[in-house]
Structure formats: C-alpha cells, structure tokens
PDB file of N, CA and C in Angstrom:
ATOM      1  N   UNK A   1      33.064  84.521  32.391  1.00  0.00           N
ATOM      2  CA  UNK A   1      32.085  84.200  33.591  1.00  0.00           C
ATOM      3  C   UNK A   1      32.234  84.986  34.737  1.00  0.00           C
ATOM      4  N   UNK A   2      31.221  85.528  35.422  1.00  0.00           N
ATOM      5  CA  UNK A   2      31.105  86.545  36.703  1.00  0.00           C
ATOM      6  C   UNK A   2      31.456  85.806  37.616  1.00  0.00           C
ATOM      7  N   UNK A   3      31.340  86.470  38.836  1.00  0.00           N
ATOM      8  CA  UNK A   3      31.815  85.694  40.038  1.00  0.00           C
ATOM      9  C   UNK A   3      30.567  84.712  40.525  1.00  0.00           C
ATOM     10  N   UNK A   4      31.012  83.432  40.836  1.00  0.00           N
ATOM     11  CA  UNK A   4      30.128  82.338  41.587  1.00  0.00           C
ATOM     12  C   UNK A   4      29.451  82.813  42.620  1.00  0.00           C
ATOM     13  N   UNK A   5      28.212  82.692  42.961  1.00  0.00           N
ATOM     14  CA  UNK A   5      27.954  82.997  44.301  1.00  0.00           C
ATOM     15  C   UNK A   5      27.114  81.599  45.024  1.00  0.00           C
ATOM     16  N   UNK A   6      27.882  81.569  46.144  1.00  0.00           N
ATOM     17  CA  UNK A   6      27.297  80.543  46.960  1.00  0.00           C
ATOM     18  C   UNK A   6      25.850  81.109  47.680  1.00  0.00           C
ATOM     19  N   UNK A   7      24.731  80.317  47.563  1.00  0.00           N
ATOM     20  CA  UNK A   7      23.172  80.582  48.096  1.00  0.00           C
ATOM     21  C   UNK A   7      23.102  79.572  49.198  1.00  0.00           C
ATOM     22  N   UNK A   8      23.691  78.552  49.250  1.00  0.00           N
ATOM     23  CA  UNK A   8      23.755  77.868  50.431  1.00  0.00           C
ATOM     24  C   UNK A   8      24.726  76.780  50.494  1.00  0.00           C
ATOM     25  N   UNK A   9      25.346  76.642  51.691  1.00  0.00           N
ATOM     26  CA  UNK A   9      26.506  75.885  52.028  1.00  0.00           C
ATOM     27  C   UNK A   9      26.192  75.007  53.256  1.00  0.00           C
ATOM     28  N   UNK A  10      25.939  73.778  53.105  1.00  0.00           N
ATOM     29  CA  UNK A  10      25.603  73.010  54.284  1.00  0.00           C
ATOM     30  C   UNK A  10      26.570  71.906  54.285  1.00  0.00           C
ATOM     31  N   UNK A  11      26.780  70.989  55.343  1.00  0.00           N
ATOM     32  CA  UNK A  11      27.694  69.868  55.277  1.00  0.00           C
ATOM     33  C   UNK A  11      27.698  68.928  53.957  1.00  0.00           C
ATOM     34  N   UNK A  12      26.197  68.747  53.703  1.00  0.00           N
ATOM     35  CA  UNK A  12      25.846  67.827  52.626  1.00  0.00           C
ATOM     36  C   UNK A  12      25.255  68.738  51.413  1.00  0.00           C
ATOM     37  N   UNK A  13      25.035  69.931  51.528  1.00  0.00           N
ATOM     38  CA  UNK A  13      24.277  70.529  50.211  1.00  0.00           C
ATOM     39  C   UNK A  13      25.008  71.925  49.963  1.00  0.00           C
ATOM     40  N   UNK A  14      25.046  71.875  48.549  1.00  0.00           N
ATOM     41  CA  UNK A  14      25.886  73.256  48.081  1.00  0.00           C
ATOM     42  C   UNK A  14      24.927  73.754  47.151  1.00  0.00           C
ATOM     43  N   UNK A  15      24.518  74.994  47.066  1.00  0.00           N
ATOM     44  CA  UNK A  15      23.752  75.679  45.912  1.00  0.00           C
ATOM     45  C   UNK A  15      24.424  76.896  45.364  1.00  0.00           C
ATOM     46  N   UNK A  16      24.912  76.878  44.098  1.00  0.00           N
ATOM     47  CA  UNK A  16      25.274  77.979  43.443  1.00  0.00           C
ATOM     48  C   UNK A  16      24.779  78.715  42.489  1.00  0.00           C
ATOM     49  N   UNK A  17      24.950  80.008  42.392  1.00  0.00           N
ATOM     50  CA  UNK A  17      24.634  80.696  41.395  1.00  0.00           C
ATOM     51  C   UNK A  17      25.726  81.157  40.348  1.00  0.00           C
ATOM     52  N   UNK A  18      25.542  80.592  38.994  1.00  0.00           N
ATOM     53  CA  UNK A  18      26.589  80.932  38.046  1.00  0.00           C
ATOM     54  C   UNK A  18      26.099  81.630  37.096  1.00  0.00           C
ATOM     55  N   UNK A  19      26.602  83.136  37.408  1.00  0.00           N
ATOM     56  CA  UNK A  19      25.990  84.321  36.167  1.00  0.00           C
ATOM     57  C   UNK A  19      26.912  84.139  34.991  1.00  0.00           C
ATOM     58  N   UNK A  20      25.973  84.440  33.984  1.00  0.00           N
ATOM     59  CA  UNK A  20      26.451  84.450  32.662  1.00  0.00           C
ATOM     60  C   UNK A  20      26.712  82.994  31.986  1.00  0.00           C
ATOM     61  N   UNK A  21      26.242  81.961  32.655  1.00  0.00           N
ATOM     62  CA  UNK A  21      26.388  80.508  32.093  1.00  0.00           C
ATOM     63  C   UNK A  21      25.138  80.222  31.529  1.00  0.00           C
ATOM     64  N   UNK A  22      25.036  79.205  30.937  1.00  0.00           N
ATOM     65  CA  UNK A  22      23.921  78.642  29.858  1.00  0.00           C
ATOM     66  C   UNK A  22      23.856  77.364  30.528  1.00  0.00           C
ATOM     67  N   UNK A  23      22.749  76.623  29.762  1.00  0.00           N
ATOM     68  CA  UNK A  23      22.607  75.069  30.184  1.00  0.00           C
ATOM     69  C   UNK A  23      23.672  74.509  29.806  1.00  0.00           C
ATOM     70  N   UNK A  24      24.678  74.718  28.631  1.00  0.00           N
ATOM     71  CA  UNK A  24      25.648  73.868  28.435  1.00  0.00           C
ATOM     72  C   UNK A  24      26.693  73.412  29.316  1.00  0.00           C
ATOM     73  N   UNK A  25      27.276  74.741  30.097  1.00  0.00           N
ATOM     74  CA  UNK A  25      28.244  73.901  31.404  1.00  0.00           C
ATOM     75  C   UNK A  25      27.338  73.549  32.384  1.00  0.00           C
ATOM     76  N   UNK A  26      26.293  73.854  32.555  1.00  0.00           N
ATOM     77  CA  UNK A  26      25.425  73.521  33.939  1.00  0.00           C
ATOM     78  C   UNK A  26      24.841  71.904  33.828  1.00  0.00           C
ATOM     79  N   UNK A  27      24.512  71.514  32.510  1.00  0.00           N
ATOM     80  CA  UNK A  27      24.117  70.274  32.326  1.00  0.00           C
ATOM     81  C   UNK A  27      25.486  69.386  31.909  1.00  0.00           C
ATOM     82  N   UNK A  28      26.396  69.705  31.489  1.00  0.00           N
ATOM     83  CA  UNK A  28      27.883  68.870  31.732  1.00  0.00           C
ATOM     84  C   UNK A  28      28.356  68.753  33.143  1.00  0.00           C
ATOM     85  N   UNK A  29      28.121  69.821  33.928  1.00  0.00           N
ATOM     86  CA  UNK A  29      28.578  69.434  35.203  1.00  0.00           C
ATOM     87  C   UNK A  29      27.711  68.556  36.271  1.00  0.00           C
ATOM     88  N   UNK A  30      26.550  68.760  35.833  1.00  0.00           N
ATOM     89  CA  UNK A  30      25.333  68.002  36.195  1.00  0.00           C
ATOM     90  C   UNK A  30      25.772  66.317  36.277  1.00  0.00           C
ATOM     91  N   UNK A  31      25.814  66.137  35.062  1.00  0.00           N
ATOM     92  CA  UNK A  31      26.028  65.168  34.429  1.00  0.00           C
ATOM     93  C   UNK A  31      27.154  64.140  34.990  1.00  0.00           C
ATOM     94  N   UNK A  32      28.502  64.982  34.942  1.00  0.00           N
ATOM     95  CA  UNK A  32      29.506  64.235  35.716  1.00  0.00           C
ATOM     96  C   UNK A  32      28.900  64.291  37.131  1.00  0.00           C
ATOM     97  N   UNK A  33      28.503  64.983  37.641  1.00  0.00           N
ATOM     98  CA  UNK A  33      28.444  64.876  39.287  1.00  0.00           C
ATOM     99  C   UNK A  33      27.631  63.779  39.625  1.00  0.00           C
ATOM    100  N   UNK A  34      26.413  63.410  38.570  1.00  0.00           N
ATOM    101  CA  UNK A  34      25.466  62.538  38.818  1.00  0.00           C
ATOM    102  C   UNK A  34      26.331  61.113  38.382  1.00  0.00           C
ATOM    103  N   UNK A  35      27.427  61.048  38.038  1.00  0.00           N
ATOM    104  CA  UNK A  35      28.300  59.851  37.848  1.00  0.00           C
ATOM    105  C   UNK A  35      29.007  59.635  38.842  1.00  0.00           C
ATOM    106  N   UNK A  36      28.863  60.567  39.821  1.00  0.00           N
ATOM    107  CA  UNK A  36      29.908  60.394  41.140  1.00  0.00           C
ATOM    108  C   UNK A  36      29.106  59.619  42.334  1.00  0.00           C
ATOM    109  N   UNK A  37      29.668  58.545  42.478  1.00  0.00           N
ATOM    110  CA  UNK A  37      28.921  57.729  43.544  1.00  0.00           C
ATOM    111  C   UNK A  37      28.833  58.234  44.979  1.00  0.00           C
ATOM    112  N   UNK A  38      29.492  59.661  45.193  1.00  0.00           N
ATOM    113  CA  UNK A  38      29.196  60.386  46.429  1.00  0.00           C
ATOM    114  C   UNK A  38      28.176  61.412  46.635  1.00  0.00           C
ATOM    115  N   UNK A  39      27.926  61.430  45.464  1.00  0.00           N
ATOM    116  CA  UNK A  39      26.333  62.473  45.010  1.00  0.00           C
ATOM    117  C   UNK A  39      25.159  61.791  45.045  1.00  0.00           C
ATOM    118  N   UNK A  40      24.382  62.263  45.829  1.00  0.00           N
ATOM    119  CA  UNK A  40      22.808  61.906  45.971  1.00  0.00           C
ATOM    120  C   UNK A  40      21.950  62.266  44.693  1.00  0.00           C
ATOM    121  N   UNK A  41      22.311  63.520  44.318  1.00  0.00           N
ATOM    122  CA  UNK A  41      21.725  64.389  43.502  1.00  0.00           C
ATOM    123  C   UNK A  41      22.378  65.532  43.131  1.00  0.00           C
ATOM    124  N   UNK A  42      22.275  65.950  42.037  1.00  0.00           N
ATOM    125  CA  UNK A  42      22.776  67.574  41.215  1.00  0.00           C
ATOM    126  C   UNK A  42      21.827  67.706  40.376  1.00  0.00           C
ATOM    127  N   UNK A  43      21.214  68.938  40.501  1.00  0.00           N
ATOM    128  CA  UNK A  43      20.133  69.375  39.684  1.00  0.00           C
ATOM    129  C   UNK A  43      20.170  71.200  39.120  1.00  0.00           C
ATOM    130  N   UNK A  44      20.087  71.743  38.111  1.00  0.00           N
ATOM    131  CA  UNK A  44      20.321  72.985  38.005  1.00  0.00           C
ATOM    132  C   UNK A  44      18.869  73.641  37.404  1.00  0.00           C
ATOM    133  N   UNK A  45      18.787  74.774  37.365  1.00  0.00           N
ATOM    134  CA  UNK A  45      17.853  75.574  36.865  1.00  0.00           C
ATOM    135  C   UNK A  45      17.571  76.950  36.651  1.00  0.00           C
ATOM    136  N   UNK A  46      17.164  77.054  35.523  1.00  0.00           N
ATOM    137  CA  UNK A  46      17.256  78.641  34.842  1.00  0.00           C
ATOM    138  C   UNK A  46      15.754  79.131  35.032  1.00  0.00           C
ATOM    139  N   UNK A  47      15.353  80.234  35.815  1.00  0.00           N
ATOM    140  CA  UNK A  47      13.937  80.718  35.928  1.00  0.00           C
ATOM    141  C   UNK A  47      13.470  81.524  34.545  1.00  0.00           C
ATOM    142  N   UNK A  48      14.323  82.063  33.892  1.00  0.00           N
ATOM    143  CA  UNK A  48      13.963  82.812  32.768  1.00  0.00           C
ATOM    144  C   UNK A  48      15.012  82.532  31.719  1.00  0.00           C
ATOM    145  N   UNK A  49      14.666  82.096  30.659  1.00  0.00           N
ATOM    146  CA  UNK A  49      15.385  81.998  29.526  1.00  0.00           C
ATOM    147  C   UNK A  49      16.451  82.921  29.109  1.00  0.00           C
ATOM    148  N   UNK A  50      15.982  84.126  29.152  1.00  0.00           N
ATOM    149  CA  UNK A  50      16.588  85.217  28.664  1.00  0.00           C
ATOM    150  C   UNK A  50      17.512  86.084  29.347  1.00  0.00           C
ATOM    151  N   UNK A  51      16.810  86.157  30.971  1.00  0.00           N
ATOM    152  CA  UNK A  51      17.579  86.903  31.683  1.00  0.00           C
ATOM    153  C   UNK A  51      18.019  85.857  32.932  1.00  0.00           C
ATOM    154  N   UNK A  52      17.511  84.700  33.260  1.00  0.00           N
ATOM    155  CA  UNK A  52      17.566  84.110  34.380  1.00  0.00           C
ATOM    156  C   UNK A  52      19.168  83.817  34.499  1.00  0.00           C
ATOM    157  N   UNK A  53      19.476  83.460  35.602  1.00  0.00           N
ATOM    158  CA  UNK A  53      21.028  83.079  35.975  1.00  0.00           C
ATOM    159  C   UNK A  53      20.881  81.629  36.567  1.00  0.00           C
ATOM    160  N   UNK A  54      21.712  80.490  36.135  1.00  0.00           N
ATOM    161  CA  UNK A  54      21.558  78.996  36.500  1.00  0.00           C
ATOM    162  C   UNK A  54      21.560  78.975  38.086  1.00  0.00           C
ATOM    163  N   UNK A  55      21.209  78.183  38.177  1.00  0.00           N
ATOM    164  CA  UNK A  55      21.358  77.836  39.794  1.00  0.00           C
ATOM    165  C   UNK A  55      21.654  76.247  40.061  1.00  0.00           C
ATOM    166  N   UNK A  56      22.723  76.099  40.755  1.00  0.00           N
ATOM    167  CA  UNK A  56      22.910  74.482  40.584  1.00  0.00           C
ATOM    168  C   UNK A  56      22.769  74.161  41.881  1.00  0.00           C
ATOM    169  N   UNK A  57      22.209  72.808  42.433  1.00  0.00           N
ATOM    170  CA  UNK A  57      22.118  72.148  43.807  1.00  0.00           C
ATOM    171  C   UNK A  57      22.771  70.857  43.708  1.00  0.00           C
ATOM    172  N   UNK A  58      23.643  70.554  44.819  1.00  0.00           N
ATOM    173  CA  UNK A  58      24.400  69.705  44.691  1.00  0.00           C
ATOM    174  C   UNK A  58      24.129  68.941  46.071  1.00  0.00           C
ATOM    175  N   UNK A  59      23.697  67.679  46.278  1.00  0.00           N
ATOM    176  CA  UNK A  59      23.658  66.985  47.539  1.00  0.00           C
ATOM    177  C   UNK A  59      24.293  65.804  47.839  1.00  0.00           C
ATOM    178  N   UNK A  60      25.273  65.733  48.637  1.00  0.00           N
ATOM    179  CA  UNK A  60      26.408  64.776  48.695  1.00  0.00           C
ATOM    180  C   UNK A  60      25.355  63.518  49.766  1.00  0.00           C
ATOM    181  N   UNK A  61      26.137  62.399  49.658  1.00  0.00           N
ATOM    182  CA  UNK A  61      25.614  61.332  50.645  1.00  0.00           C
ATOM    183  C   UNK A  61      26.372  61.265  51.897  1.00  0.00           C
ATOM    184  N   UNK A  62      25.962  60.766  52.695  1.00  0.00           N
ATOM    185  CA  UNK A  62      26.133  60.825  54.012  1.00  0.00           C
ATOM    186  C   UNK A  62      27.574  62.018  54.653  1.00  0.00           C
ATOM    187  N   UNK A  63      28.406  61.426  54.751  1.00  0.00           N
ATOM    188  CA  UNK A  63      29.381  62.704  55.261  1.00  0.00           C
ATOM    189  C   UNK A  63      30.612  63.116  54.020  1.00  0.00           C
ATOM    190  N   UNK A  64      29.869  62.735  53.258  1.00  0.00           N
ATOM    191  CA  UNK A  64      30.759  63.415  51.712  1.00  0.00           C
ATOM    192  C   UNK A  64      30.814  65.032  51.707  1.00  0.00           C
ATOM    193  N   UNK A  65      31.666  65.554  51.084  1.00  0.00           N
ATOM    194  CA  UNK A  65      31.534  67.196  50.700  1.00  0.00           C
ATOM    195  C   UNK A  65      31.337  67.273  49.432  1.00  0.00           C
ATOM    196  N   UNK A  66      30.359  68.280  49.202  1.00  0.00           N
ATOM    197  CA  UNK A  66      29.764  68.488  48.010  1.00  0.00           C
ATOM    198  C   UNK A  66      30.943  69.262  47.060  1.00  0.00           C
ATOM    199  N   UNK A  67      31.532  70.280  47.977  1.00  0.00           N
ATOM    200  CA  UNK A  67      32.500  71.216  47.382  1.00  0.00           C
ATOM    201  C   UNK A  67      33.447  70.390  46.741  1.00  0.00           C
ATOM    202  N   UNK A  68      34.081  69.343  47.283  1.00  0.00           N
ATOM    203  CA  UNK A  68      34.998  68.482  46.737  1.00  0.00           C
ATOM    204  C   UNK A  68      34.489  67.576  45.630  1.00  0.00           C
ATOM    205  N   UNK A  69      33.159  67.355  45.646  1.00  0.00           N
ATOM    206  CA  UNK A  69      32.893  66.650  44.106  1.00  0.00           C
ATOM    207  C   UNK A  69      32.555  68.002  43.325  1.00  0.00           C
ATOM    208  N   UNK A  70      32.016  68.881  43.435  1.00  0.00           N
ATOM    209  CA  UNK A  70      32.092  69.923  42.213  1.00  0.00           C
ATOM    210  C   UNK A  70      33.734  70.148  42.004  1.00  0.00           C
ATOM    211  N   UNK A  71      34.372  70.375  42.544  1.00  0.00           N
ATOM    212  CA  UNK A  71      35.830  70.700  42.441  1.00  0.00           C
ATOM    213  C   UNK A  71      36.308  69.232  41.268  1.00  0.00           C
ATOM    214  N   UNK A  72      36.111  67.963  41.808  1.00  0.00           N
ATOM    215  CA  UNK A  72      36.326  67.223  40.929  1.00  0.00           C
ATOM    216  C   UNK A  72      35.938  66.872  39.492  1.00  0.00           C
ATOM    217  N   UNK A  73      34.741  67.084  39.769  1.00  0.00           N
ATOM    218  CA  UNK A  73      33.716  67.126  38.497  1.00  0.00           C
ATOM    219  C   UNK A  73      34.112  68.403  37.591  1.00  0.00           C
ATOM    220  N   UNK A  74      34.430  69.559  38.014  1.00  0.00           N
ATOM    221  CA  UNK A  74      34.870  70.496  37.423  1.00  0.00           C
ATOM    222  C   UNK A  74      36.384  70.204  36.599  1.00  0.00           C
ATOM    223  N   UNK A  75      37.226  69.503  37.460  1.00  0.00           N
ATOM    224  CA  UNK A  75      38.587  69.074  36.756  1.00  0.00           C
ATOM    225  C   UNK A  75      38.353  68.143  35.746  1.00  0.00           C
ATOM    226  N   UNK A  76      37.257  67.344  35.839  1.00  0.00           N
ATOM    227  CA  UNK A  76      36.868  66.031  34.967  1.00  0.00           C
ATOM    228  C   UNK A  76      36.654  66.669  33.805  1.00  0.00           C
ATOM    229  N   UNK A  77      35.413  67.764  33.816  1.00  0.00           N
ATOM    230  CA  UNK A  77      35.081  68.438  32.682  1.00  0.00           C
ATOM    231  C   UNK A  77      35.753  69.452  31.861  1.00  0.00           C
ATOM    232  N   UNK A  78      37.259  70.047  32.551  1.00  0.00           N
ATOM    233  CA  UNK A  78      38.264  70.616  32.034  1.00  0.00           C
ATOM    234  C   UNK A  78      39.126  69.786  31.168  1.00  0.00           C
ATOM    235  N   UNK A  79      39.459  68.600  31.616  1.00  0.00           N
ATOM    236  CA  UNK A  79      40.046  66.961  31.230  1.00  0.00           C
ATOM    237  C   UNK A  79      39.564  67.027  29.638  1.00  0.00           C
ATOM    238  N   UNK A  80      38.185  66.850  29.697  1.00  0.00           N
ATOM    239  CA  UNK A  80      37.446  66.413  28.929  1.00  0.00           C
ATOM    240  C   UNK A  80      37.349  67.685  27.737  1.00  0.00           C
ATOM    241  N   UNK A  81      37.336  68.563  27.933  1.00  0.00           N
ATOM    242  CA  UNK A  81      37.149  69.754  27.240  1.00  0.00           C
ATOM    243  C   UNK A  81      38.520  69.811  26.453  1.00  0.00           C
ATOM    244  N   UNK A  82      39.593  69.690  27.103  1.00  0.00           N
ATOM    245  CA  UNK A  82      40.988  69.838  26.527  1.00  0.00           C
ATOM    246  C   UNK A  82      41.221  68.521  25.440  1.00  0.00           C
ATOM    247  N   UNK A  83      40.630  67.323  25.847  1.00  0.00           N
ATOM    248  CA  UNK A  83      40.743  66.280  24.873  1.00  0.00           C
ATOM    249  C   UNK A  83      39.856  66.235  23.570  1.00  0.00           C
ATOM    250  N   UNK A  84      38.551  66.815  23.850  1.00  0.00           N
ATOM    251  CA  UNK A  84      38.055  67.331  22.843  1.00  0.00           C
ATOM    252  C   UNK A  84      38.584  68.429  21.717  1.00  0.00           C
ATOM    253  N   UNK A  85      39.425  69.344  22.610  1.00  0.00           N
ATOM    254  CA  UNK A  85      40.180  70.246  21.758  1.00  0.00           C
ATOM    255  C   UNK A  85      41.223  69.801  21.031  1.00  0.00           C
ATOM    256  N   UNK A  86      41.929  69.102  21.522  1.00  0.00           N
ATOM    257  CA  UNK A  86      42.998  68.377  20.912  1.00  0.00           C
ATOM    258  C   UNK A  86      42.704  67.468  19.647  1.00  0.00           C
ATOM    259  N   UNK A  87      41.398  66.680  19.770  1.00  0.00           N
ATOM    260  CA  UNK A  87      41.076  65.845  18.708  1.00  0.00           C
ATOM    261  C   UNK A  87      40.597  66.858  17.517  1.00  0.00           C
ATOM    262  N   UNK A  88      39.852  67.809  17.810  1.00  0.00           N
ATOM    263  CA  UNK A  88      39.362  68.732  16.663  1.00  0.00           C
ATOM    264  C   UNK A  88      40.854  69.192  16.047  1.00  0.00           C
ATOM    265  N   UNK A  89      41.895  69.723  16.897  1.00  0.00           N
ATOM    266  CA  UNK A  89      42.862  70.391  16.214  1.00  0.00           C
ATOM    267  C   UNK A  89      43.932  69.150  15.299  1.00  0.00           C
ATOM    268  N   UNK A  90      43.520  67.899  15.860  1.00  0.00           N
ATOM    269  CA  UNK A  90      44.341  67.109  14.755  1.00  0.00           C
ATOM    270  C   UNK A  90      43.601  66.508  13.859  1.00  0.00           C
ATOM    271  N   UNK A  91      42.631  67.041  13.423  1.00  0.00           N
ATOM    272  CA  UNK A  91      42.057  66.756  11.951  1.00  0.00           C
ATOM    273  C   UNK A  91      42.276  67.281  11.002  1.00  0.00           C
TER     274      UNK A  91
END
C-alpha cells in the first residue's frame, strides 16, 4: 500500500485517498465504520475501475473525531482478518 493522502480534514469530516487499494479494503472499512454509532456516514468511490484511486469520506456525529473512528475501524478489521486467517489455518 502506498502512502495514504488526506484530502480533507475538519472537526467532523475526513476524506482520504488510499492509493493501490481496491473495493475490498474500502468496502470492509466502510461497513465497520457504518456500524459505529459515532459515524453519520462513511462512503467511498473509485472514479475509474482501472486507474482510479479509492477515496473514502467519513462524517462523524456532533463532536466525535472521524480519525479516532477510522483507527478503531482499522483495528477491528485487522482483528477480524487475523481471526479469519487462524480459522483457515486450523482447517
């Protein structure tokens, strides 16, 4: 994964470009973020299927910090991935 680029960062909103990634990680993060009661919405888009880079937009509710929510979602995704890996290895 290349360096993540912050396109917009305000008190309640965060917009990131994640070069080199696809729908897989973006959709997984979006799903976990939308389960967070502190998040108003989390969306992503890829302008061009072959050369486009994913852009994720996260909007937090009231005084919540979208960066903290993204970190929490990233850690949850990491834990789920590790759990899945362990399950496959035990087969």
